Amino acid sequence: MTDPNILDDTTADYERLETELLAQDRDAARVSTADVDRTTAQQLASDLVDDGVVTAVANQRVLVHEPSGEAFDSIRQLVVFHRGWTAGCDANDEMS
């Protein structure tokens, strides 16, 4: 005969729900790097150049992300990379 408590035990369900809710919280807190339109990318790239985070190399037609040393020929790629790089650095700081 089986123990009726085994059928009524919802611990595993609760743990799965808790895990799913924690994953949703992490996803909501992450920086979005998708859907950067051209105008926003140009404005953010200009701000990065003004702040000294990005250097424009005119003769090679690239933008160099100074903290990482990565070079980009697309403003949008640069901005998306910088957002991801910043989010990664912020996550590392939180873990320290």
PDB file of N, CA and C in Angstrom:
ATOM      1  N   MET A   1       0.836  -1.173   0.000  1.00  0.00           N
ATOM      2  CA  MET A   1       0.000   0.000   0.000  1.00  0.00           C
ATOM      3  C   MET A   1       0.884   1.241   0.000  1.00  0.00           C
ATOM      4  N   THR A   2       0.503   2.249  -0.743  1.00  0.00           N
ATOM      5  CA  THR A   2       1.313   3.462  -0.831  1.00  0.00           C
ATOM      6  C   THR A   2       0.918   4.452   0.248  1.00  0.00           C
ATOM      7  N   ASP A   3       1.872   5.242   0.618  1.00  0.00           N
ATOM      8  CA  ASP A   3       1.647   6.266   1.638  1.00  0.00           C
ATOM      9  C   ASP A   3       0.900   7.432   0.997  1.00  0.00           C
ATOM     10  N   PRO A   4      -0.258   7.841   1.508  1.00  0.00           N
ATOM     11  CA  PRO A   4      -1.026   8.935   0.895  1.00  0.00           C
ATOM     12  C   PRO A   4      -0.294  10.269   0.933  1.00  0.00           C
ATOM     13  N   ASN A   5       0.654  10.433   1.847  1.00  0.00           N
ATOM     14  CA  ASN A   5       1.413  11.682   1.923  1.00  0.00           C
ATOM     15  C   ASN A   5       2.293  11.896   0.688  1.00  0.00           C
ATOM     16  N   ILE A   6       2.718  10.828   0.064  1.00  0.00           N
ATOM     17  CA  ILE A   6       3.538  10.939  -1.144  1.00  0.00           C
ATOM     18  C   ILE A   6       2.731  11.618  -2.249  1.00  0.00           C
ATOM     19  N   LEU A   7       1.474  11.291  -2.369  1.00  0.00           N
ATOM     20  CA  LEU A   7       0.627  11.886  -3.398  1.00  0.00           C
ATOM     21  C   LEU A   7       0.307  13.339  -3.096  1.00  0.00           C
ATOM     22  N   ASP A   8       0.244  13.689  -1.826  1.00  0.00           N
ATOM     23  CA  ASP A   8      -0.091  15.055  -1.424  1.00  0.00           C
ATOM     24  C   ASP A   8       1.127  15.960  -1.310  1.00  0.00           C
ATOM     25  N   ASP A   9       2.308  15.396  -1.429  1.00  0.00           N
ATOM     26  CA  ASP A   9       3.532  16.182  -1.263  1.00  0.00           C
ATOM     27  C   ASP A   9       3.732  17.096  -2.470  1.00  0.00           C
ATOM     28  N   THR A  10       3.732  18.383  -2.238  1.00  0.00           N
ATOM     29  CA  THR A  10       3.905  19.362  -3.319  1.00  0.00           C
ATOM     30  C   THR A  10       5.243  20.093  -3.221  1.00  0.00           C
ATOM     31  N   THR A  11       6.172  19.555  -2.446  1.00  0.00           N
ATOM     32  CA  THR A  11       7.467  20.198  -2.263  1.00  0.00           C
ATOM     33  C   THR A  11       8.177  20.404  -3.597  1.00  0.00           C
ATOM     34  N   ALA A  12       8.182  19.387  -4.447  1.00  0.00           N
ATOM     35  CA  ALA A  12       8.866  19.502  -5.735  1.00  0.00           C
ATOM     36  C   ALA A  12       8.216  20.578  -6.595  1.00  0.00           C
ATOM     37  N   ASP A  13       6.897  20.658  -6.577  1.00  0.00           N
ATOM     38  CA  ASP A  13       6.192  21.701  -7.335  1.00  0.00           C
ATOM     39  C   ASP A  13       6.571  23.085  -6.831  1.00  0.00           C
ATOM     40  N   TYR A  14       6.613  23.229  -5.524  1.00  0.00           N
ATOM     41  CA  TYR A  14       6.968  24.518  -4.932  1.00  0.00           C
ATOM     42  C   TYR A  14       8.393  24.910  -5.318  1.00  0.00           C
ATOM     43  N   GLU A  15       9.314  23.950  -5.274  1.00  0.00           N
ATOM     44  CA  GLU A  15      10.708  24.244  -5.628  1.00  0.00           C
ATOM     45  C   GLU A  15      10.822  24.638  -7.100  1.00  0.00           C
ATOM     46  N   ARG A  16      10.092  23.973  -7.982  1.00  0.00           N
ATOM     47  CA  ARG A  16      10.113  24.330  -9.404  1.00  0.00           C
ATOM     48  C   ARG A  16       9.553  25.734  -9.610  1.00  0.00           C
ATOM     49  N   LEU A  17       8.466  26.062  -8.926  1.00  0.00           N
ATOM     50  CA  LEU A  17       7.877  27.392  -9.034  1.00  0.00           C
ATOM     51  C   LEU A  17       8.855  28.445  -8.529  1.00  0.00           C
ATOM     52  N   GLU A  18       9.476  28.182  -7.402  1.00  0.00           N
ATOM     53  CA  GLU A  18      10.439  29.129  -6.840  1.00  0.00           C
ATOM     54  C   GLU A  18      11.624  29.338  -7.784  1.00  0.00           C
ATOM     55  N   THR A  19      12.117  28.276  -8.375  1.00  0.00           N
ATOM     56  CA  THR A  19      13.220  28.373  -9.329  1.00  0.00           C
ATOM     57  C   THR A  19      12.814  29.197 -10.546  1.00  0.00           C
ATOM     58  N   GLU A  20      11.612  28.964 -11.049  1.00  0.00           N
ATOM     59  CA  GLU A  20      11.114  29.717 -12.206  1.00  0.00           C
ATOM     60  C   GLU A  20      10.962  31.202 -11.877  1.00  0.00           C
ATOM     61  N   LEU A  21      10.439  31.507 -10.702  1.00  0.00           N
ATOM     62  CA  LEU A  21      10.281  32.912 -10.308  1.00  0.00           C
ATOM     63  C   LEU A  21      11.632  33.611 -10.145  1.00  0.00           C
ATOM     64  N   LEU A  22      12.604  32.913  -9.600  1.00  0.00           N
ATOM     65  CA  LEU A  22      13.950  33.493  -9.479  1.00  0.00           C
ATOM     66  C   LEU A  22      14.557  33.750 -10.855  1.00  0.00           C
ATOM     67  N   ALA A  23      14.354  32.831 -11.784  1.00  0.00           N
ATOM     68  CA  ALA A  23      14.871  33.013 -13.145  1.00  0.00           C
ATOM     69  C   ALA A  23      14.209  34.211 -13.814  1.00  0.00           C
ATOM     70  N   GLN A  24      12.914  34.381 -13.607  1.00  0.00           N
ATOM     71  CA  GLN A  24      12.218  35.531 -14.183  1.00  0.00           C
ATOM     72  C   GLN A  24      12.728  36.836 -13.587  1.00  0.00           C
ATOM     73  N   ASP A  25      12.996  36.844 -12.287  1.00  0.00           N
ATOM     74  CA  ASP A  25      13.544  38.036 -11.637  1.00  0.00           C
ATOM     75  C   ASP A  25      14.908  38.395 -12.220  1.00  0.00           C
ATOM     76  N   ARG A  26      15.756  37.389 -12.426  1.00  0.00           N
ATOM     77  CA  ARG A  26      17.086  37.640 -13.012  1.00  0.00           C
ATOM     78  C   ARG A  26      16.956  38.181 -14.424  1.00  0.00           C
ATOM     79  N   ASP A  27      16.044  37.600 -15.215  1.00  0.00           N
ATOM     80  CA  ASP A  27      15.848  38.065 -16.589  1.00  0.00           C
ATOM     81  C   ASP A  27      15.360  39.507 -16.617  1.00  0.00           C
ATOM     82  N   ALA A  28      14.475  39.861 -15.702  1.00  0.00           N
ATOM     83  CA  ALA A  28      13.942  41.223 -15.660  1.00  0.00           C
ATOM     84  C   ALA A  28      15.009  42.231 -15.249  1.00  0.00           C
ATOM     85  N   ALA A  29      15.968  41.799 -14.451  1.00  0.00           N
ATOM     86  CA  ALA A  29      17.007  42.701 -13.960  1.00  0.00           C
ATOM     87  C   ALA A  29      18.139  42.891 -14.965  1.00  0.00           C
ATOM     88  N   ARG A  30      18.245  42.008 -15.940  1.00  0.00           N
ATOM     89  CA  ARG A  30      19.342  42.087 -16.906  1.00  0.00           C
ATOM     90  C   ARG A  30      19.159  43.263 -17.853  1.00  0.00           C
ATOM     91  N   VAL A  31      20.286  43.769 -18.313  1.00  0.00           N
ATOM     92  CA  VAL A  31      20.274  44.865 -19.267  1.00  0.00           C
ATOM     93  C   VAL A  31      19.936  44.316 -20.644  1.00  0.00           C
ATOM     94  N   SER A  32      19.008  44.936 -21.316  1.00  0.00           N
ATOM     95  CA  SER A  32      18.622  44.506 -22.647  1.00  0.00           C
ATOM     96  C   SER A  32      19.612  45.058 -23.661  1.00  0.00           C
ATOM     97  N   THR A  33      20.119  44.185 -24.504  1.00  0.00           N
ATOM     98  CA  THR A  33      21.055  44.629 -25.534  1.00  0.00           C
ATOM     99  C   THR A  33      20.446  44.511 -26.927  1.00  0.00           C
ATOM    100  N   ALA A  34      19.213  44.084 -27.000  1.00  0.00           N
ATOM    101  CA  ALA A  34      18.554  43.929 -28.295  1.00  0.00           C
ATOM    102  C   ALA A  34      17.759  45.181 -28.636  1.00  0.00           C
ATOM    103  N   ASP A  35      17.389  45.267 -29.879  1.00  0.00           N
ATOM    104  CA  ASP A  35      16.490  46.328 -30.343  1.00  0.00           C
ATOM    105  C   ASP A  35      17.049  47.734 -30.158  1.00  0.00           C
ATOM    106  N   VAL A  36      18.309  47.923 -30.503  1.00  0.00           N
ATOM    107  CA  VAL A  36      18.900  49.260 -30.477  1.00  0.00           C
ATOM    108  C   VAL A  36      18.709  49.853 -31.864  1.00  0.00           C
ATOM    109  N   ASP A  37      17.897  50.910 -31.959  1.00  0.00           N
ATOM    110  CA  ASP A  37      17.683  51.509 -33.267  1.00  0.00           C
ATOM    111  C   ASP A  37      18.861  52.416 -33.634  1.00  0.00           C
ATOM    112  N   ARG A  38      18.896  52.804 -34.886  1.00  0.00           N
ATOM    113  CA  ARG A  38      20.036  53.560 -35.418  1.00  0.00           C
ATOM    114  C   ARG A  38      20.241  54.894 -34.695  1.00  0.00           C
ATOM    115  N   THR A  39      19.167  55.621 -34.456  1.00  0.00           N
ATOM    116  CA  THR A  39      19.265  56.930 -33.809  1.00  0.00           C
ATOM    117  C   THR A  39      19.807  56.797 -32.395  1.00  0.00           C
ATOM    118  N   THR A  40      19.273  55.847 -31.654  1.00  0.00           N
ATOM    119  CA  THR A  40      19.744  55.610 -30.286  1.00  0.00           C
ATOM    120  C   THR A  40      21.203  55.190 -30.293  1.00  0.00           C
ATOM    121  N   ALA A  41      21.570  54.300 -31.208  1.00  0.00           N
ATOM    122  CA  ALA A  41      22.954  53.833 -31.297  1.00  0.00           C
ATOM    123  C   ALA A  41      23.899  54.991 -31.586  1.00  0.00           C
ATOM    124  N   GLN A  42      23.525  55.879 -32.510  1.00  0.00           N
ATOM    125  CA  GLN A  42      24.379  57.020 -32.831  1.00  0.00           C
ATOM    126  C   GLN A  42      24.549  57.945 -31.634  1.00  0.00           C
ATOM    127  N   GLN A  43      23.465  58.179 -30.911  1.00  0.00           N
ATOM    128  CA  GLN A  43      23.530  59.051 -29.742  1.00  0.00           C
ATOM    129  C   GLN A  43      24.405  58.431 -28.644  1.00  0.00           C
ATOM    130  N   LEU A  44      24.206  57.140 -28.379  1.00  0.00           N
ATOM    131  CA  LEU A  44      25.002  56.467 -27.347  1.00  0.00           C
ATOM    132  C   LEU A  44      26.469  56.388 -27.735  1.00  0.00           C
ATOM    133  N   ALA A  45      26.745  56.120 -29.005  1.00  0.00           N
ATOM    134  CA  ALA A  45      28.135  56.063 -29.464  1.00  0.00           C
ATOM    135  C   ALA A  45      28.795  57.427 -29.332  1.00  0.00           C
ATOM    136  N   SER A  46      28.072  58.474 -29.662  1.00  0.00           N
ATOM    137  CA  SER A  46      28.597  59.829 -29.515  1.00  0.00           C
ATOM    138  C   SER A  46      28.925  60.124 -28.050  1.00  0.00           C
ATOM    139  N   ASP A  47      28.028  59.709 -27.147  1.00  0.00           N
ATOM    140  CA  ASP A  47      28.276  59.883 -25.716  1.00  0.00           C
ATOM    141  C   ASP A  47      29.516  59.104 -25.269  1.00  0.00           C
ATOM    142  N   LEU A  48      29.686  57.884 -25.793  1.00  0.00           N
ATOM    143  CA  LEU A  48      30.852  57.075 -25.433  1.00  0.00           C
ATOM    144  C   LEU A  48      32.149  57.719 -25.928  1.00  0.00           C
ATOM    145  N   VAL A  49      32.103  58.311 -27.109  1.00  0.00           N
ATOM    146  CA  VAL A  49      33.280  59.016 -27.632  1.00  0.00           C
ATOM    147  C   VAL A  49      33.583  60.231 -26.751  1.00  0.00           C
ATOM    148  N   ASP A  50      32.546  60.999 -26.412  1.00  0.00           N
ATOM    149  CA  ASP A  50      32.720  62.177 -25.558  1.00  0.00           C
ATOM    150  C   ASP A  50      33.289  61.807 -24.191  1.00  0.00           C
ATOM    151  N   ASP A  51      32.892  60.638 -23.672  1.00  0.00           N
ATOM    152  CA  ASP A  51      33.348  60.186 -22.356  1.00  0.00           C
ATOM    153  C   ASP A  51      34.723  59.523 -22.396  1.00  0.00           C
ATOM    154  N   GLY A  52      35.272  59.337 -23.593  1.00  0.00           N
ATOM    155  CA  GLY A  52      36.589  58.717 -23.716  1.00  0.00           C
ATOM    156  C   GLY A  52      36.579  57.202 -23.635  1.00  0.00           C
ATOM    157  N   VAL A  53      35.397  56.617 -23.697  1.00  0.00           N
ATOM    158  CA  VAL A  53      35.281  55.155 -23.641  1.00  0.00           C
ATOM    159  C   VAL A  53      35.545  54.556 -25.019  1.00  0.00           C
ATOM    160  N   VAL A  54      35.248  55.315 -26.063  1.00  0.00           N
ATOM    161  CA  VAL A  54      35.418  54.863 -27.442  1.00  0.00           C
ATOM    162  C   VAL A  54      36.285  55.864 -28.188  1.00  0.00           C
ATOM    163  N   THR A  55      37.191  55.326 -28.994  1.00  0.00           N
ATOM    164  CA  THR A  55      38.032  56.156 -29.848  1.00  0.00           C
ATOM    165  C   THR A  55      37.713  55.852 -31.302  1.00  0.00           C
ATOM    166  N   ALA A  56      37.490  56.891 -32.078  1.00  0.00           N
ATOM    167  CA  ALA A  56      37.236  56.723 -33.513  1.00  0.00           C
ATOM    168  C   ALA A  56      38.570  56.756 -34.253  1.00  0.00           C
ATOM    169  N   VAL A  57      38.823  55.731 -35.048  1.00  0.00           N
ATOM    170  CA  VAL A  57      40.022  55.670 -35.874  1.00  0.00           C
ATOM    171  C   VAL A  57      39.564  55.921 -37.309  1.00  0.00           C
ATOM    172  N   ALA A  58      39.669  57.187 -37.737  1.00  0.00           N
ATOM    173  CA  ALA A  58      39.089  57.619 -39.011  1.00  0.00           C
ATOM    174  C   ALA A  58      39.704  56.922 -40.216  1.00  0.00           C
ATOM    175  N   ASN A  59      41.027  56.780 -40.237  1.00  0.00           N
ATOM    176  CA  ASN A  59      41.655  56.201 -41.431  1.00  0.00           C
ATOM    177  C   ASN A  59      41.334  54.719 -41.600  1.00  0.00           C
ATOM    178  N   GLN A  60      40.930  54.042 -40.517  1.00  0.00           N
ATOM    179  CA  GLN A  60      40.534  52.634 -40.620  1.00  0.00           C
ATOM    180  C   GLN A  60      39.022  52.452 -40.558  1.00  0.00           C
ATOM    181  N   ARG A  61      38.305  53.549 -40.329  1.00  0.00           N
ATOM    182  CA  ARG A  61      36.853  53.551 -40.245  1.00  0.00           C
ATOM    183  C   ARG A  61      36.331  52.544 -39.215  1.00  0.00           C
ATOM    184  N   VAL A  62      36.957  52.582 -38.021  1.00  0.00           N
ATOM    185  CA  VAL A  62      36.520  51.714 -36.930  1.00  0.00           C
ATOM    186  C   VAL A  62      36.389  52.531 -35.653  1.00  0.00           C
ATOM    187  N   LEU A  63      35.638  51.984 -34.729  1.00  0.00           N
ATOM    188  CA  LEU A  63      35.492  52.548 -33.392  1.00  0.00           C
ATOM    189  C   LEU A  63      36.102  51.542 -32.418  1.00  0.00           C
ATOM    190  N   VAL A  64      36.999  52.004 -31.572  1.00  0.00           N
ATOM    191  CA  VAL A  64      37.682  51.115 -30.638  1.00  0.00           C
ATOM    192  C   VAL A  64      37.105  51.326 -29.242  1.00  0.00           C
ATOM    193  N   HIS A  65      36.624  50.260 -28.671  1.00  0.00           N
ATOM    194  CA  HIS A  65      36.107  50.259 -27.302  1.00  0.00           C
ATOM    195  C   HIS A  65      37.324  50.127 -26.386  1.00  0.00           C
ATOM    196  N   GLU A  66      37.737  51.238 -25.796  1.00  0.00           N
ATOM    197  CA  GLU A  66      38.996  51.303 -25.062  1.00  0.00           C
ATOM    198  C   GLU A  66      39.117  50.325 -23.892  1.00  0.00           C
ATOM    199  N   PRO A  67      38.080  50.168 -23.049  1.00  0.00           N
ATOM    200  CA  PRO A  67      38.258  49.260 -21.915  1.00  0.00           C
ATOM    201  C   PRO A  67      38.540  47.812 -22.321  1.00  0.00           C
ATOM    202  N   SER A  68      37.988  47.381 -23.441  1.00  0.00           N
ATOM    203  CA  SER A  68      38.170  45.994 -23.860  1.00  0.00           C
ATOM    204  C   SER A  68      39.189  45.842 -24.990  1.00  0.00           C
ATOM    205  N   GLY A  69      39.436  46.936 -25.727  1.00  0.00           N
ATOM    206  CA  GLY A  69      40.335  46.868 -26.866  1.00  0.00           C
ATOM    207  C   GLY A  69      39.686  46.338 -28.136  1.00  0.00           C
ATOM    208  N   GLU A  70      38.394  46.091 -28.119  1.00  0.00           N
ATOM    209  CA  GLU A  70      37.678  45.581 -29.291  1.00  0.00           C
ATOM    210  C   GLU A  70      37.409  46.703 -30.285  1.00  0.00           C
ATOM    211  N   ALA A  71      37.504  46.382 -31.570  1.00  0.00           N
ATOM    212  CA  ALA A  71      37.253  47.358 -32.636  1.00  0.00           C
ATOM    213  C   ALA A  71      35.981  46.965 -33.388  1.00  0.00           C
ATOM    214  N   PHE A  72      35.206  47.973 -33.784  1.00  0.00           N
ATOM    215  CA  PHE A  72      33.932  47.746 -34.459  1.00  0.00           C
ATOM    216  C   PHE A  72      33.812  48.665 -35.657  1.00  0.00           C
ATOM    217  N   ASP A  73      33.239  48.141 -36.738  1.00  0.00           N
ATOM    218  CA  ASP A  73      32.973  48.981 -37.905  1.00  0.00           C
ATOM    219  C   ASP A  73      31.493  49.341 -37.975  1.00  0.00           C
ATOM    220  N   SER A  74      30.725  48.940 -36.978  1.00  0.00           N
ATOM    221  CA  SER A  74      29.301  49.241 -36.906  1.00  0.00           C
ATOM    222  C   SER A  74      28.994  49.910 -35.568  1.00  0.00           C
ATOM    223  N   ILE A  75      28.322  51.050 -35.637  1.00  0.00           N
ATOM    224  CA  ILE A  75      27.955  51.774 -34.419  1.00  0.00           C
ATOM    225  C   ILE A  75      27.014  50.922 -33.576  1.00  0.00           C
ATOM    226  N   ARG A  76      26.069  50.281 -34.216  1.00  0.00           N
ATOM    227  CA  ARG A  76      25.093  49.465 -33.483  1.00  0.00           C
ATOM    228  C   ARG A  76      25.783  48.293 -32.771  1.00  0.00           C
ATOM    229  N   GLN A  77      26.717  47.631 -33.439  1.00  0.00           N
ATOM    230  CA  GLN A  77      27.453  46.536 -32.805  1.00  0.00           C
ATOM    231  C   GLN A  77      28.250  47.040 -31.604  1.00  0.00           C
ATOM    232  N   LEU A  78      28.849  48.196 -31.748  1.00  0.00           N
ATOM    233  CA  LEU A  78      29.615  48.792 -30.651  1.00  0.00           C
ATOM    234  C   LEU A  78      28.719  49.033 -29.437  1.00  0.00           C
ATOM    235  N   VAL A  79      27.567  49.649 -29.665  1.00  0.00           N
ATOM    236  CA  VAL A  79      26.661  49.979 -28.565  1.00  0.00           C
ATOM    237  C   VAL A  79      26.142  48.711 -27.886  1.00  0.00           C
ATOM    238  N   VAL A  80      25.741  47.726 -28.674  1.00  0.00           N
ATOM    239  CA  VAL A  80      25.256  46.470 -28.106  1.00  0.00           C
ATOM    240  C   VAL A  80      26.373  45.800 -27.313  1.00  0.00           C
ATOM    241  N   PHE A  81      27.591  45.784 -27.859  1.00  0.00           N
ATOM    242  CA  PHE A  81      28.725  45.208 -27.146  1.00  0.00           C
ATOM    243  C   PHE A  81      28.970  45.947 -25.836  1.00  0.00           C
ATOM    244  N   HIS A  82      28.960  47.279 -25.884  1.00  0.00           N
ATOM    245  CA  HIS A  82      29.236  48.058 -24.676  1.00  0.00           C
ATOM    246  C   HIS A  82      28.182  47.792 -23.596  1.00  0.00           C
ATOM    247  N   ARG A  83      26.925  47.699 -23.994  1.00  0.00           N
ATOM    248  CA  ARG A  83      25.871  47.400 -23.021  1.00  0.00           C
ATOM    249  C   ARG A  83      26.102  46.035 -22.376  1.00  0.00           C
ATOM    250  N   GLY A  84      26.420  45.052 -23.180  1.00  0.00           N
ATOM    251  CA  GLY A  84      26.697  43.716 -22.646  1.00  0.00           C
ATOM    252  C   GLY A  84      27.943  43.695 -21.785  1.00  0.00           C
ATOM    253  N   TRP A  85      28.971  44.408 -22.221  1.00  0.00           N
ATOM    254  CA  TRP A  85      30.224  44.479 -21.467  1.00  0.00           C
ATOM    255  C   TRP A  85      29.987  45.146 -20.119  1.00  0.00           C
ATOM    256  N   THR A  86      29.223  46.235 -20.117  1.00  0.00           N
ATOM    257  CA  THR A  86      28.906  46.937 -18.876  1.00  0.00           C
ATOM    258  C   THR A  86      28.086  46.054 -17.945  1.00  0.00           C
ATOM    259  N   ALA A  87      27.103  45.355 -18.496  1.00  0.00           N
ATOM    260  CA  ALA A  87      26.274  44.459 -17.682  1.00  0.00           C
ATOM    261  C   ALA A  87      27.133  43.347 -17.080  1.00  0.00           C
ATOM    262  N   GLY A  88      28.072  42.825 -17.871  1.00  0.00           N
ATOM    263  CA  GLY A  88      28.970  41.779 -17.361  1.00  0.00           C
ATOM    264  C   GLY A  88      29.856  42.295 -16.246  1.00  0.00           C
ATOM    265  N   CYS A  89      30.367  43.503 -16.404  1.00  0.00           N
ATOM    266  CA  CYS A  89      31.203  44.099 -15.361  1.00  0.00           C
ATOM    267  C   CYS A  89      30.386  44.348 -14.104  1.00  0.00           C
ATOM    268  N   ASP A  90      29.166  44.839 -14.262  1.00  0.00           N
ATOM    269  CA  ASP A  90      28.293  45.092 -13.115  1.00  0.00           C
ATOM    270  C   ASP A  90      27.972  43.790 -12.385  1.00  0.00           C
ATOM    271  N   ALA A  91      27.738  42.709 -13.141  1.00  0.00           N
ATOM    272  CA  ALA A  91      27.431  41.413 -12.529  1.00  0.00           C
ATOM    273  C   ALA A  91      28.639  40.898 -11.744  1.00  0.00           C
ATOM    274  N   ASN A  92      29.829  41.092 -12.304  1.00  0.00           N
ATOM    275  CA  ASN A  92      31.038  40.668 -11.601  1.00  0.00           C
ATOM    276  C   ASN A  92      31.236  41.449 -10.320  1.00  0.00           C
ATOM    277  N   ASP A  93      30.944  42.762 -10.356  1.00  0.00           N
ATOM    278  CA  ASP A  93      31.070  43.594  -9.168  1.00  0.00           C
ATOM    279  C   ASP A  93      30.101  43.152  -8.083  1.00  0.00           C
ATOM    280  N   GLU A  94      28.888  42.758  -8.472  1.00  0.00           N
ATOM    281  CA  GLU A  94      27.894  42.300  -7.509  1.00  0.00           C
ATOM    282  C   GLU A  94      28.310  40.995  -6.864  1.00  0.00           C
ATOM    283  N   MET A  95      29.012  40.147  -7.621  1.00  0.00           N
ATOM    284  CA  MET A  95      29.425  38.856  -7.102  1.00  0.00           C
ATOM    285  C   MET A  95      30.642  38.981  -6.187  1.00  0.00           C
ATOM    286  N   SER A  96      31.373  40.054  -6.302  1.00  0.00           N
ATOM    287  CA  SER A  96      32.589  40.230  -5.496  1.00  0.00           C
ATOM    288  C   SER A  96      32.274  40.642  -4.088  1.00  0.00           C
TER     289      SER A  96
END
